[in-house]
C-alpha atoms as a PDB file:
ATOM      1  CA  MET A   1       0.000   0.000   0.000  1.00  0.00           C
ATOM      2  CA  PRO A   2       1.993   2.993  -1.250  1.00  0.00           C
ATOM      3  CA  LEU A   3       1.535   6.658  -0.420  1.00  0.00           C
ATOM      4  CA  PRO A   4      -0.068   8.673  -3.241  1.00  0.00           C
ATOM      5  CA  ASN A   5       2.316  10.490  -5.588  1.00  0.00           C
ATOM      6  CA  ASP A   6       0.379  13.699  -5.042  1.00  0.00           C
ATOM      7  CA  GLU A   7       2.317  15.747  -2.464  1.00  0.00           C
ATOM      8  CA  ARG A   8      -0.765  17.834  -1.726  1.00  0.00           C
ATOM      9  CA  VAL A   9      -2.726  14.718  -0.711  1.00  0.00           C
ATOM     10  CA  VAL A  10       0.083  13.589   1.600  1.00  0.00           C
ATOM     11  CA  ASP A  11       0.350  17.069   3.138  1.00  0.00           C
ATOM     12  CA  LEU A  12      -3.406  17.198   3.699  1.00  0.00           C
ATOM     13  CA  ALA A  13      -3.338  13.744   5.290  1.00  0.00           C
ATOM     14  CA  ASN A  14      -0.641  14.903   7.719  1.00  0.00           C
ATOM     15  CA  ARG A  15      -2.656  18.020   8.575  1.00  0.00           C
ATOM     16  CA  LEU A  16      -5.747  15.903   9.244  1.00  0.00           C
ATOM     17  CA  LEU A  17      -3.728  13.571  11.449  1.00  0.00           C
ATOM     18  CA  ALA A  18      -2.408  16.574  13.404  1.00  0.00           C
ATOM     19  CA  GLN A  19      -5.966  17.854  13.858  1.00  0.00           C
ATOM     20  CA  PHE A  20      -7.119  14.481  15.194  1.00  0.00           C
ATOM     21  CA  ASP A  21      -4.219  14.672  17.661  1.00  0.00           C
ATOM     22  CA  THR A  22      -5.394  18.144  18.703  1.00  0.00           C
ATOM     23  CA  LEU A  23      -8.952  16.938  19.265  1.00  0.00           C
ATOM     24  CA  PHE A  24      -8.243  13.664  21.064  1.00  0.00           C
ATOM     25  CA  GLY A  25      -4.657  13.852  22.312  1.00  0.00           C
ATOM     26  CA  LEU A  26      -1.811  11.472  21.532  1.00  0.00           C
ATOM     27  CA  HIS A  27      -2.335   7.807  22.370  1.00  0.00           C
ATOM     28  CA  PRO A  28       0.775   5.921  21.195  1.00  0.00           C
ATOM     29  CA  GLY A  29       0.039   2.667  19.408  1.00  0.00           C
ATOM     30  CA  PHE A  30      -3.611   3.508  18.740  1.00  0.00           C
ATOM     31  CA  ARG A  31      -5.477   4.909  15.766  1.00  0.00           C
ATOM     32  CA  ALA A  32      -5.979   8.647  15.523  1.00  0.00           C
ATOM     33  CA  ALA A  33      -9.657   7.917  14.825  1.00  0.00           C
ATOM     34  CA  HIS A  34     -11.696   4.852  15.765  1.00  0.00           C
ATOM     35  CA  ALA A  35      -9.074   4.074  18.407  1.00  0.00           C
ATOM     36  CA  LYS A  36     -11.132   1.673  20.507  1.00  0.00           C
ATOM     37  CA  GLY A  37     -11.896  -1.630  18.834  1.00  0.00           C
ATOM     38  CA  LEU A  38     -11.752  -5.413  18.700  1.00  0.00           C
ATOM     39  CA  MET A  39     -10.610  -7.822  15.992  1.00  0.00           C
ATOM     40  CA  LEU A  40     -12.261 -11.081  14.986  1.00  0.00           C
ATOM     41  CA  THR A  41     -11.618 -13.742  12.375  1.00  0.00           C
ATOM     42  CA  GLY A  42     -13.964 -15.674  10.144  1.00  0.00           C
ATOM     43  CA  VAL A  43     -14.798 -16.604   6.574  1.00  0.00           C
ATOM     44  CA  PHE A  44     -16.537 -15.044   3.573  1.00  0.00           C
ATOM     45  CA  THR A  45     -18.716 -17.138   1.281  1.00  0.00           C
ATOM     46  CA  PRO A  46     -19.857 -15.517  -1.993  1.00  0.00           C
ATOM     47  CA  SER A  47     -23.462 -15.622  -3.162  1.00  0.00           C
ATOM     48  CA  ALA A  48     -24.645 -17.135  -6.425  1.00  0.00           C
ATOM     49  CA  GLN A  49     -25.428 -13.712  -7.880  1.00  0.00           C
ATOM     50  CA  ALA A  50     -22.139 -12.027  -6.921  1.00  0.00           C
ATOM     51  CA  ALA A  51     -20.397 -13.060 -10.166  1.00  0.00           C
ATOM     52  CA  SER A  52     -22.939 -11.021 -12.133  1.00  0.00           C
ATOM     53  CA  LEU A  53     -21.339  -7.919 -10.596  1.00  0.00           C
ATOM     54  CA  THR A  54     -17.624  -8.703 -10.252  1.00  0.00           C
ATOM     55  CA  ASN A  55     -14.941 -11.278 -10.963  1.00  0.00           C
ATOM     56  CA  ALA A  56     -12.938 -10.279  -7.874  1.00  0.00           C
ATOM     57  CA  PRO A  57     -10.840 -13.147  -6.392  1.00  0.00           C
ATOM     58  CA  HIS A  58     -12.979 -13.571  -3.269  1.00  0.00           C
ATOM     59  CA  ILE A  59     -16.062 -13.862  -5.482  1.00  0.00           C
ATOM     60  CA  THR A  60     -14.675 -16.562  -7.772  1.00  0.00           C
ATOM     61  CA  ARG A  61     -13.506 -18.771  -4.867  1.00  0.00           C
ATOM     62  CA  SER A  62     -15.732 -20.951  -2.723  1.00  0.00           C
ATOM     63  CA  SER A  63     -14.625 -19.105   0.429  1.00  0.00           C
ATOM     64  CA  THR A  64     -12.011 -16.644   1.699  1.00  0.00           C
ATOM     65  CA  PRO A  65     -10.642 -16.078   5.232  1.00  0.00           C
ATOM     66  CA  VAL A  66     -11.452 -12.680   6.705  1.00  0.00           C
ATOM     67  CA  THR A  67     -10.254 -10.485   9.533  1.00  0.00           C
ATOM     68  CA  ALA A  68     -12.713  -7.896  10.846  1.00  0.00           C
ATOM     69  CA  ARG A  69     -12.418  -4.991  13.261  1.00  0.00           C
ATOM     70  CA  PHE A  70     -15.310  -3.345  15.082  1.00  0.00           C
ATOM     71  CA  SER A  71     -14.598   0.112  16.488  1.00  0.00           C
ATOM     72  CA  ASN A  72     -15.969   3.177  18.256  1.00  0.00           C
ATOM     73  CA  SER A  73     -15.669   6.696  16.890  1.00  0.00           C
ATOM     74  CA  THR A  74     -13.098   9.214  18.197  1.00  0.00           C
ATOM     75  CA  GLY A  75      -9.404   8.808  18.868  1.00  0.00           C
ATOM     76  CA  LEU A  76      -9.983   7.925  22.536  1.00  0.00           C
ATOM     77  CA  PRO A  77      -9.004   4.309  23.351  1.00  0.00           C
ATOM     78  CA  LEU A  78     -11.041   4.387  26.572  1.00  0.00           C
ATOM     79  CA  ILE A  79     -14.218   6.068  25.322  1.00  0.00           C
ATOM     80  CA  PRO A  80     -17.173   4.453  27.134  1.00  0.00           C
ATOM     81  CA  ASP A  81     -19.506   2.495  24.888  1.00  0.00           C
ATOM     82  CA  SER A  82     -22.368   4.582  26.307  1.00  0.00           C
ATOM     83  CA  ALA A  83     -20.866   7.905  25.129  1.00  0.00           C
ATOM     84  CA  PRO A  84     -22.775   9.569  22.275  1.00  0.00           C
ATOM     85  CA  ASP A  85     -19.460  10.260  20.519  1.00  0.00           C
ATOM     86  CA  ALA A  86     -18.832   6.485  20.332  1.00  0.00           C
ATOM     87  CA  ASN A  87     -21.253   6.533  17.386  1.00  0.00           C
ATOM     88  CA  PRO A  88     -21.126   5.934  14.500  1.00  0.00           C
ATOM     89  CA  ARG A  89     -19.445   2.539  14.999  1.00  0.00           C
ATOM     90  CA  GLY A  90     -16.969   1.215  12.468  1.00  0.00           C
ATOM     91  CA  LEU A  91     -16.562  -2.158  10.792  1.00  0.00           C
ATOM     92  CA  ALA A  92     -13.546  -2.926   8.617  1.00  0.00           C
ATOM     93  CA  ILE A  93     -13.272  -6.290   6.839  1.00  0.00           C
ATOM     94  CA  ARG A  94     -10.105  -7.698   5.270  1.00  0.00           C
ATOM     95  CA  PHE A  95     -10.393 -10.487   2.709  1.00  0.00           C
ATOM     96  CA  ASP A  96      -7.134 -12.465   2.918  1.00  0.00           C
ATOM     97  CA  LEU A  97      -6.527 -13.483  -0.714  1.00  0.00           C
ATOM     98  CA  ALA A  98      -2.960 -14.785  -0.290  1.00  0.00           C
ATOM     99  CA  GLU A  99       0.074 -14.111   1.866  1.00  0.00           C
ATOM    100  CA  HIS A 100       0.428 -10.298   1.988  1.00  0.00           C
ATOM    101  CA  VAL A 101      -2.387  -9.967  -0.590  1.00  0.00           C
ATOM    102  CA  HIS A 102      -5.776  -8.643   0.470  1.00  0.00           C
ATOM    103  CA  THR A 103      -8.677  -6.346  -0.299  1.00  0.00           C
ATOM    104  CA  ASP A 104     -10.622  -4.449   2.349  1.00  0.00           C
ATOM    105  CA  ILE A 105     -13.982  -2.849   3.054  1.00  0.00           C
ATOM    106  CA  VAL A 106     -14.009   0.075   5.496  1.00  0.00           C
ATOM    107  CA  SER A 107     -17.469   1.048   6.713  1.00  0.00           C
ATOM    108  CA  HIS A 108     -19.348   2.793   9.483  1.00  0.00           C
ATOM    109  CA  SER A 109     -22.874   2.721  10.866  1.00  0.00           C
ATOM    110  CA  THR A 110     -24.137   5.991   9.381  1.00  0.00           C
ATOM    111  CA  ASN A 111     -24.955   5.988   5.680  1.00  0.00           C
ATOM    112  CA  GLY A 112     -22.804   8.642   4.003  1.00  0.00           C
ATOM    113  CA  PHE A 113     -20.141  11.136   5.025  1.00  0.00           C
ATOM    114  CA  PRO A 114     -20.329  14.757   6.219  1.00  0.00           C
ATOM    115  CA  THR A 115     -18.184  16.329   3.474  1.00  0.00           C
ATOM    116  CA  HIS A 116     -17.439  15.843  -0.220  1.00  0.00           C
ATOM    117  CA  THR A 117     -13.722  16.654  -0.011  1.00  0.00           C
ATOM    118  CA  ALA A 118     -10.917  16.188   2.482  1.00  0.00           C
ATOM    119  CA  ASP A 119     -10.344  19.959   2.615  1.00  0.00           C
ATOM    120  CA  GLU A 120     -13.917  20.394   3.799  1.00  0.00           C
ATOM    121  CA  PHE A 121     -13.441  17.601   6.339  1.00  0.00           C
ATOM    122  CA  LEU A 122     -10.362  19.360   7.735  1.00  0.00           C
ATOM    123  CA  GLU A 123     -12.390  22.574   7.977  1.00  0.00           C
ATOM    124  CA  LEU A 124     -15.048  20.683   9.935  1.00  0.00           C
ATOM    125  CA  LEU A 125     -12.512  19.189  12.358  1.00  0.00           C
ATOM    126  CA  GLN A 126     -10.891  22.605  12.860  1.00  0.00           C
ATOM    127  CA  ALA A 127     -14.293  24.156  13.523  1.00  0.00           C
ATOM    128  CA  ILE A 128     -15.040  21.453  16.106  1.00  0.00           C
ATOM    129  CA  GLY A 129     -11.676  22.090  17.768  1.00  0.00           C
ATOM    130  CA  ALA A 130     -12.367  25.823  17.960  1.00  0.00           C
ATOM    131  CA  SER A 131     -15.851  25.393  19.473  1.00  0.00           C
ATOM    132  CA  GLY A 132     -15.212  24.655  23.131  1.00  0.00           C
ATOM    133  CA  PRO A 133     -17.875  25.113  25.825  1.00  0.00           C
ATOM    134  CA  ASP A 134     -16.627  28.635  26.619  1.00  0.00           C
ATOM    135  CA  VAL A 135     -16.880  29.837  23.021  1.00  0.00           C
ATOM    136  CA  PRO A 136     -19.988  31.996  22.499  1.00  0.00           C
ATOM    137  CA  SER A 137     -22.542  31.190  19.804  1.00  0.00           C
ATOM    138  CA  PRO A 138     -22.501  31.144  16.930  1.00  0.00           C
ATOM    139  CA  LYS A 139     -19.551  28.797  17.437  1.00  0.00           C
ATOM    140  CA  PRO A 140     -17.286  27.968  14.475  1.00  0.00           C
ATOM    141  CA  VAL A 141     -18.838  24.502  14.173  1.00  0.00           C
ATOM    142  CA  GLU A 142     -22.320  26.030  14.108  1.00  0.00           C
ATOM    143  CA  LEU A 143     -21.264  28.377  11.329  1.00  0.00           C
ATOM    144  CA  PHE A 144     -19.717  25.486   9.368  1.00  0.00           C
ATOM    145  CA  LEU A 145     -22.794  23.296   9.689  1.00  0.00           C
ATOM    146  CA  GLY A 146     -25.039  26.220   8.786  1.00  0.00           C
ATOM    147  CA  SER A 147     -23.193  26.661   5.494  1.00  0.00           C
ATOM    148  CA  HIS A 148     -22.699  22.935   4.695  1.00  0.00           C
ATOM    149  CA  PRO A 149     -26.098  21.177   4.516  1.00  0.00           C
ATOM    150  CA  ALA A 150     -24.608  17.723   3.930  1.00  0.00           C
ATOM    151  CA  ALA A 151     -22.494  17.968   7.077  1.00  0.00           C
ATOM    152  CA  LEU A 152     -25.511  19.164   9.058  1.00  0.00           C
ATOM    153  CA  ALA A 153     -27.576  16.245   7.751  1.00  0.00           C
ATOM    154  CA  PHE A 154     -24.844  13.780   8.749  1.00  0.00           C
ATOM    155  CA  VAL A 155     -24.546  15.255  12.256  1.00  0.00           C
ATOM    156  CA  GLN A 156     -28.327  15.232  12.719  1.00  0.00           C
ATOM    157  CA  ALA A 157     -28.812  11.699  11.350  1.00  0.00           C
ATOM    158  CA  PRO A 158     -30.014   9.311  14.095  1.00  0.00           C
ATOM    159  CA  LYS A 159     -27.155   7.333  15.649  1.00  0.00           C
ATOM    160  CA  PRO A 160     -28.823   4.932  18.087  1.00  0.00           C
ATOM    161  CA  PHE A 161     -26.890   2.562  20.329  1.00  0.00           C
ATOM    162  CA  PRO A 162     -26.996  -1.029  19.062  1.00  0.00           C
ATOM    163  CA  ILE A 163     -27.954  -3.936  21.289  1.00  0.00           C
ATOM    164  CA  SER A 164     -24.830  -5.559  19.861  1.00  0.00           C
ATOM    165  CA  LEU A 165     -22.191  -4.671  17.310  1.00  0.00           C
ATOM    166  CA  ALA A 166     -23.731  -7.673  15.519  1.00  0.00           C
ATOM    167  CA  THR A 167     -27.164  -5.975  15.327  1.00  0.00           C
ATOM    168  CA  GLU A 168     -26.207  -2.863  13.365  1.00  0.00           C
ATOM    169  CA  SER A 169     -25.919  -2.120   9.643  1.00  0.00           C
ATOM    170  CA  TYR A 170     -22.724  -0.651   8.227  1.00  0.00           C
ATOM    171  CA  PHE A 171     -22.109   1.380   5.072  1.00  0.00           C
ATOM    172  CA  ALA A 172     -18.936   1.955   3.074  1.00  0.00           C
ATOM    173  CA  VAL A 173     -18.387   5.657   2.550  1.00  0.00           C
ATOM    174  CA  THR A 174     -17.554   5.833  -1.160  1.00  0.00           C
ATOM    175  CA  ALA A 175     -18.631   4.185  -4.409  1.00  0.00           C
ATOM    176  CA  PHE A 176     -16.511   1.677  -6.346  1.00  0.00           C
ATOM    177  CA  GLU A 177     -16.530   0.411  -9.925  1.00  0.00           C
ATOM    178  CA  PHE A 178     -17.348  -3.291 -10.195  1.00  0.00           C
ATOM    179  CA  THR A 179     -16.447  -5.296 -13.321  1.00  0.00           C
ATOM    180  CA  ASN A 180     -17.635  -8.837 -14.068  1.00  0.00           C
ATOM    181  CA  ALA A 181     -16.028 -11.528 -16.216  1.00  0.00           C
ATOM    182  CA  GLN A 182     -17.899 -10.235 -19.283  1.00  0.00           C
ATOM    183  CA  GLY A 183     -16.392  -6.775 -18.847  1.00  0.00           C
ATOM    184  CA  GLU A 184     -19.645  -5.160 -17.727  1.00  0.00           C
ATOM    185  CA  LYS A 185     -19.033  -2.248 -15.361  1.00  0.00           C
ATOM    186  CA  LYS A 186     -21.326  -0.861 -12.683  1.00  0.00           C
ATOM    187  CA  PHE A 187     -20.796   1.533  -9.811  1.00  0.00           C
ATOM    188  CA  GLY A 188     -21.968   0.532  -6.361  1.00  0.00           C
ATOM    189  CA  ARG A 189     -21.695   1.101  -2.634  1.00  0.00           C
ATOM    190  CA  TYR A 190     -21.308  -1.591   0.022  1.00  0.00           C
ATOM    191  CA  ARG A 191     -23.933  -2.258   2.656  1.00  0.00           C
ATOM    192  CA  ILE A 192     -23.209  -4.773   5.406  1.00  0.00           C
ATOM    193  CA  LEU A 193     -26.433  -5.965   7.023  1.00  0.00           C
ATOM    194  CA  PRO A 194     -26.644  -8.115  10.182  1.00  0.00           C
ATOM    195  CA  GLU A 195     -28.333 -11.488   9.932  1.00  0.00           C
ATOM    196  CA  ALA A 196     -29.807 -10.808  13.386  1.00  0.00           C
ATOM    197  CA  GLY A 197     -31.392  -7.585  12.108  1.00  0.00           C
ATOM    198  CA  ASP A 198     -30.965  -4.038  13.382  1.00  0.00           C
ATOM    199  CA  GLN A 199     -31.660  -3.888  17.119  1.00  0.00           C
ATOM    200  CA  PHE A 200     -31.130  -0.803  19.272  1.00  0.00           C
ATOM    201  CA  PHE A 201     -31.396   0.367  22.874  1.00  0.00           C
ATOM    202  CA  SER A 202     -33.622   3.209  23.977  1.00  0.00           C
ATOM    203  CA  ALA A 203     -31.697   6.374  24.810  1.00  0.00           C
ATOM    204  CA  GLU A 204     -32.394   5.792  28.518  1.00  0.00           C
ATOM    205  CA  ASP A 205     -31.029   2.237  28.493  1.00  0.00           C
ATOM    206  CA  ALA A 206     -28.016   3.215  26.387  1.00  0.00           C
ATOM    207  CA  ALA A 207     -26.960   5.821  28.958  1.00  0.00           C
ATOM    208  CA  ASN A 208     -26.565   3.049  31.564  1.00  0.00           C
ATOM    209  CA  LEU A 209     -24.369   0.715  29.526  1.00  0.00           C
ATOM    210  CA  ALA A 210     -21.108  -0.501  31.073  1.00  0.00           C
ATOM    211  CA  PRO A 211     -17.999   1.201  29.657  1.00  0.00           C
ATOM    212  CA  ASN A 212     -16.962  -1.850  27.615  1.00  0.00           C
ATOM    213  CA  TYR A 213     -20.420  -3.322  27.106  1.00  0.00           C
ATOM    214  CA  HIS A 214     -20.290  -3.772  23.339  1.00  0.00           C
ATOM    215  CA  TYR A 215     -16.912  -5.506  23.261  1.00  0.00           C
ATOM    216  CA  GLU A 216     -17.737  -7.805  26.149  1.00  0.00           C
ATOM    217  CA  GLU A 217     -21.096  -8.606  24.519  1.00  0.00           C
ATOM    218  CA  ILE A 218     -19.641  -9.425  21.080  1.00  0.00           C
ATOM    219  CA  THR A 219     -16.962 -11.603  22.723  1.00  0.00           C
ATOM    220  CA  GLU A 220     -19.620 -13.590  24.603  1.00  0.00           C
ATOM    221  CA  ARG A 221     -21.897 -13.758  21.559  1.00  0.00           C
ATOM    222  CA  VAL A 222     -19.292 -15.125  19.164  1.00  0.00           C
ATOM    223  CA  ALA A 223     -18.169 -17.695  21.744  1.00  0.00           C
ATOM    224  CA  LYS A 224     -21.680 -19.179  21.613  1.00  0.00           C
ATOM    225  CA  ALA A 225     -22.338 -18.997  17.856  1.00  0.00           C
ATOM    226  CA  PRO A 226     -20.899 -17.308  14.765  1.00  0.00           C
ATOM    227  CA  VAL A 227     -21.940 -13.730  13.973  1.00  0.00           C
ATOM    228  CA  ARG A 228     -23.143 -13.364  10.404  1.00  0.00           C
ATOM    229  CA  PHE A 229     -23.502 -10.376   8.078  1.00  0.00           C
ATOM    230  CA  LYS A 230     -24.672 -10.244   4.480  1.00  0.00           C
ATOM    231  CA  ILE A 231     -22.667  -7.951   2.205  1.00  0.00           C
ATOM    232  CA  PHE A 232     -24.679  -6.173  -0.473  1.00  0.00           C
ATOM    233  CA  VAL A 233     -23.797  -3.663  -3.165  1.00  0.00           C
ATOM    234  CA  GLN A 234     -26.308  -0.921  -3.882  1.00  0.00           C
ATOM    235  CA  VAL A 235     -25.966  -0.425  -7.639  1.00  0.00           C
ATOM    236  CA  ALA A 236     -26.053   3.100  -9.051  1.00  0.00           C
ATOM    237  CA  GLY A 237     -28.623   4.007 -11.656  1.00  0.00           C
ATOM    238  CA  PRO A 238     -28.208   6.200 -14.731  1.00  0.00           C
ATOM    239  CA  GLY A 239     -27.262   9.708 -13.721  1.00  0.00           C
ATOM    240  CA  ASP A 240     -26.464   8.862 -10.090  1.00  0.00           C
ATOM    241  CA  VAL A 241     -23.483  10.768  -8.692  1.00  0.00           C
ATOM    242  CA  VAL A 242     -20.686   8.283  -7.978  1.00  0.00           C
ATOM    243  CA  ASP A 243     -17.895  10.593  -6.803  1.00  0.00           C
ATOM    244  CA  ASN A 244     -19.551  12.376  -3.876  1.00  0.00           C
ATOM    245  CA  ALA A 245     -20.031  10.488  -0.590  1.00  0.00           C
ATOM    246  CA  THR A 246     -22.529  13.046   0.751  1.00  0.00           C
ATOM    247  CA  ILE A 247     -25.111  12.229  -1.938  1.00  0.00           C
ATOM    248  CA  HIS A 248     -27.449   9.308  -1.247  1.00  0.00           C
ATOM    249  CA  TRP A 249     -28.902   7.255  -4.077  1.00  0.00           C
ATOM    250  CA  PRO A 250     -32.616   6.418  -4.128  1.00  0.00           C
ATOM    251  CA  GLU A 251     -33.582   3.415  -2.024  1.00  0.00           C
ATOM    252  CA  THR A 252     -35.186   1.989  -5.158  1.00  0.00           C
ATOM    253  CA  ARG A 253     -31.723   1.213  -6.540  1.00  0.00           C
ATOM    254  CA  PRO A 254     -31.136  -2.566  -6.656  1.00  0.00           C
ATOM    255  CA  LEU A 255     -29.092  -4.418  -4.050  1.00  0.00           C
ATOM    256  CA  VAL A 256     -26.865  -7.254  -5.275  1.00  0.00           C
ATOM    257  CA  GLU A 257     -25.864  -9.739  -2.593  1.00  0.00           C
ATOM    258  CA  LEU A 258     -22.120 -10.395  -2.647  1.00  0.00           C
ATOM    259  CA  GLY A 259     -22.112 -13.024   0.063  1.00  0.00           C
ATOM    260  CA  VAL A 260     -21.994 -13.765   3.782  1.00  0.00           C
ATOM    261  CA  VAL A 261     -19.298 -12.938   6.327  1.00  0.00           C
ATOM    262  CA  GLU A 262     -19.306 -15.327   9.280  1.00  0.00           C
ATOM    263  CA  LEU A 263     -17.215 -14.199  12.248  1.00  0.00           C
ATOM    264  CA  ASN A 264     -16.422 -17.072  14.587  1.00  0.00           C
ATOM    265  CA  ALA A 265     -13.609 -16.036  16.966  1.00  0.00           C
ATOM    266  CA  VAL A 266     -12.021 -13.048  18.682  1.00  0.00           C
ATOM    267  CA  VAL A 267      -8.347 -12.622  17.832  1.00  0.00           C
ATOM    268  CA  PRO A 268      -6.469 -13.704  21.007  1.00  0.00           C
ATOM    269  CA  ASP A 269      -3.885 -10.899  20.803  1.00  0.00           C
ATOM    270  CA  SER A 270      -6.382  -8.351  19.515  1.00  0.00           C
ATOM    271  CA  LEU A 271      -4.605  -5.216  20.781  1.00  0.00           C
ATOM    272  CA  ALA A 272      -1.295  -6.172  19.180  1.00  0.00           C
ATOM    273  CA  GLN A 273      -2.968  -7.142  15.916  1.00  0.00           C
ATOM    274  CA  GLN A 274      -4.958  -3.903  15.820  1.00  0.00           C
ATOM    275  CA  LYS A 275      -1.732  -1.973  16.201  1.00  0.00           C
ATOM    276  CA  HIS A 276      -0.211  -3.799  13.227  1.00  0.00           C
ATOM    277  CA  ILE A 277      -3.026  -3.984  10.685  1.00  0.00           C
ATOM    278  CA  ILE A 278      -3.545  -1.052   8.296  1.00  0.00           C
ATOM    279  CA  PHE A 279      -6.834  -1.247   6.421  1.00  0.00           C
ATOM    280  CA  ASP A 280      -6.969   0.195   2.926  1.00  0.00           C
ATOM    281  CA  PRO A 281     -10.126   1.960   1.676  1.00  0.00           C
ATOM    282  CA  ILE A 282      -8.990   1.453  -1.954  1.00  0.00           C
ATOM    283  CA  PRO A 283      -9.831  -2.115  -3.143  1.00  0.00           C
ATOM    284  CA  ARG A 284      -6.680  -2.759  -5.243  1.00  0.00           C
ATOM    285  CA  CYS A 285      -7.928  -6.050  -6.689  1.00  0.00           C
ATOM    286  CA  GLU A 286      -9.189  -7.324 -10.017  1.00  0.00           C
ATOM    287  CA  GLY A 287     -12.882  -6.667 -10.545  1.00  0.00           C
ATOM    288  CA  ILE A 288     -13.224  -3.780  -8.040  1.00  0.00           C
ATOM    289  CA  GLU A 289     -11.669  -0.368  -8.659  1.00  0.00           C
ATOM    290  CA  ALA A 290     -11.741   3.025  -6.988  1.00  0.00           C
ATOM    291  CA  SER A 291     -14.195   5.638  -8.211  1.00  0.00           C
ATOM    292  CA  ALA A 292     -13.159   9.255  -8.743  1.00  0.00           C
ATOM    293  CA  ASP A 293     -14.339  10.184  -5.240  1.00  0.00           C
ATOM    294  CA  PRO A 294     -11.716  12.627  -3.893  1.00  0.00           C
ATOM    295  CA  LEU A 295     -11.924  11.127  -0.393  1.00  0.00           C
ATOM    296  CA  LEU A 296     -10.392   7.807  -1.435  1.00  0.00           C
ATOM    297  CA  GLU A 297      -6.743   8.755  -1.957  1.00  0.00           C
ATOM    298  CA  LEU A 298      -6.796  10.989   1.095  1.00  0.00           C
ATOM    299  CA  ARG A 299      -8.233   8.263   3.310  1.00  0.00           C
ATOM    300  CA  ALA A 300      -5.689   5.748   2.030  1.00  0.00           C
ATOM    301  CA  ALA A 301      -2.882   8.221   2.765  1.00  0.00           C
ATOM    302  CA  ILE A 302      -3.966   9.055   6.307  1.00  0.00           C
ATOM    303  CA  TYR A 303      -4.575   5.375   7.138  1.00  0.00           C
ATOM    304  CA  LEU A 304      -1.059   4.543   5.989  1.00  0.00           C
ATOM    305  CA  ILE A 305       0.658   7.482   7.698  1.00  0.00           C
ATOM    306  CA  SER A 306      -1.248   6.881  10.936  1.00  0.00           C
ATOM    307  CA  GLY A 307      -0.583   3.135  10.677  1.00  0.00           C
ATOM    308  CA  ARG A 308       3.156   3.557  10.264  1.00  0.00           C
ATOM    309  CA  ARG A 309       3.226   5.858  13.287  1.00  0.00           C
ATOM    310  CA  ARG A 310       1.158   3.368  15.272  1.00  0.00           C
ATOM    311  CA  ARG A 311       3.437   0.447  14.427  1.00  0.00           C
ATOM    312  CA  ALA A 312       6.527   2.418  15.470  1.00  0.00           C
ATOM    313  CA  ALA A 313       5.085   3.539  18.803  1.00  0.00           C
ATOM    314  CA  GLN A 314       5.467   1.994  22.215  1.00  0.00           C
ATOM    315  CA  MET A 315       1.848   1.136  22.936  1.00  0.00           C
ATOM    316  CA  GLU A 316       0.200   2.601  25.999  1.00  0.00           C
ATOM    317  CA  GLN A 317      -1.905   0.054  27.866  1.00  0.00           C
ATOM    318  CA  PRO A 318      -5.548   1.030  28.456  1.00  0.00           C
ATOM    319  CA  ALA A 319      -6.530   0.934  32.112  1.00  0.00           C
END
């Protein structure tokens, strides 16, 4: 996974990383965002209809090993699972195609993203950082949201607390171009839907959750039976915008089932493995290519820069 050749993208990634550090502090060995998490292993089995969309390696095989990471928002490794800022939750899935060969899906539990470009995202983070409790209204973040309707819609979107990390839907941020064996190309966005269905706490019950409730619950759940998700691709229609993560497509657009992810075990040395693994939002495999969404290269760059820093750090141990 190389850094982009574009120096501006790399510079912007470093500035975003510095802003995350400003917001959440430095926590050596942890991610700058989505710091708290847990890794599991399992297997992906493609559906019968997946080949109509793509000839990617994990679609043409009978099954593929996977590594998945659930996470909370923010760069705080000890954020309580009951904290509103713990939402949206993240789910990253790595399809292990061969030794040192993989393709990943990076998703979170709110459909969409607050900004179209990384520059706008940096502006949003800076506005949040400048809007402390002592800052009078209109605060910088209020001014930003007032002039960026997509960001306001993302912030105001419901983010309920799931009964389990296994009872929440997850959405990849950007669109990708899928190509099948016949050379047919379609753009689509991933949706990862729980076999158990979406199940959420009331706001009152969520406020009383134990600090590590979700990670203790998913550990107990997977010890009893595998956790299963179906991966779908929402396929774009004619005229749909495919390079802007803030724009939703109509719900009438078809969903193609790619297959089922079955998670069956927690990684024994989860903290160490989380420190090492660097997920890649760009697919980099035959049959699935990046769209022209400007967020993709930036996200890949900041994941890599943050990951290299994380691997080199002496990890602090959460209390």
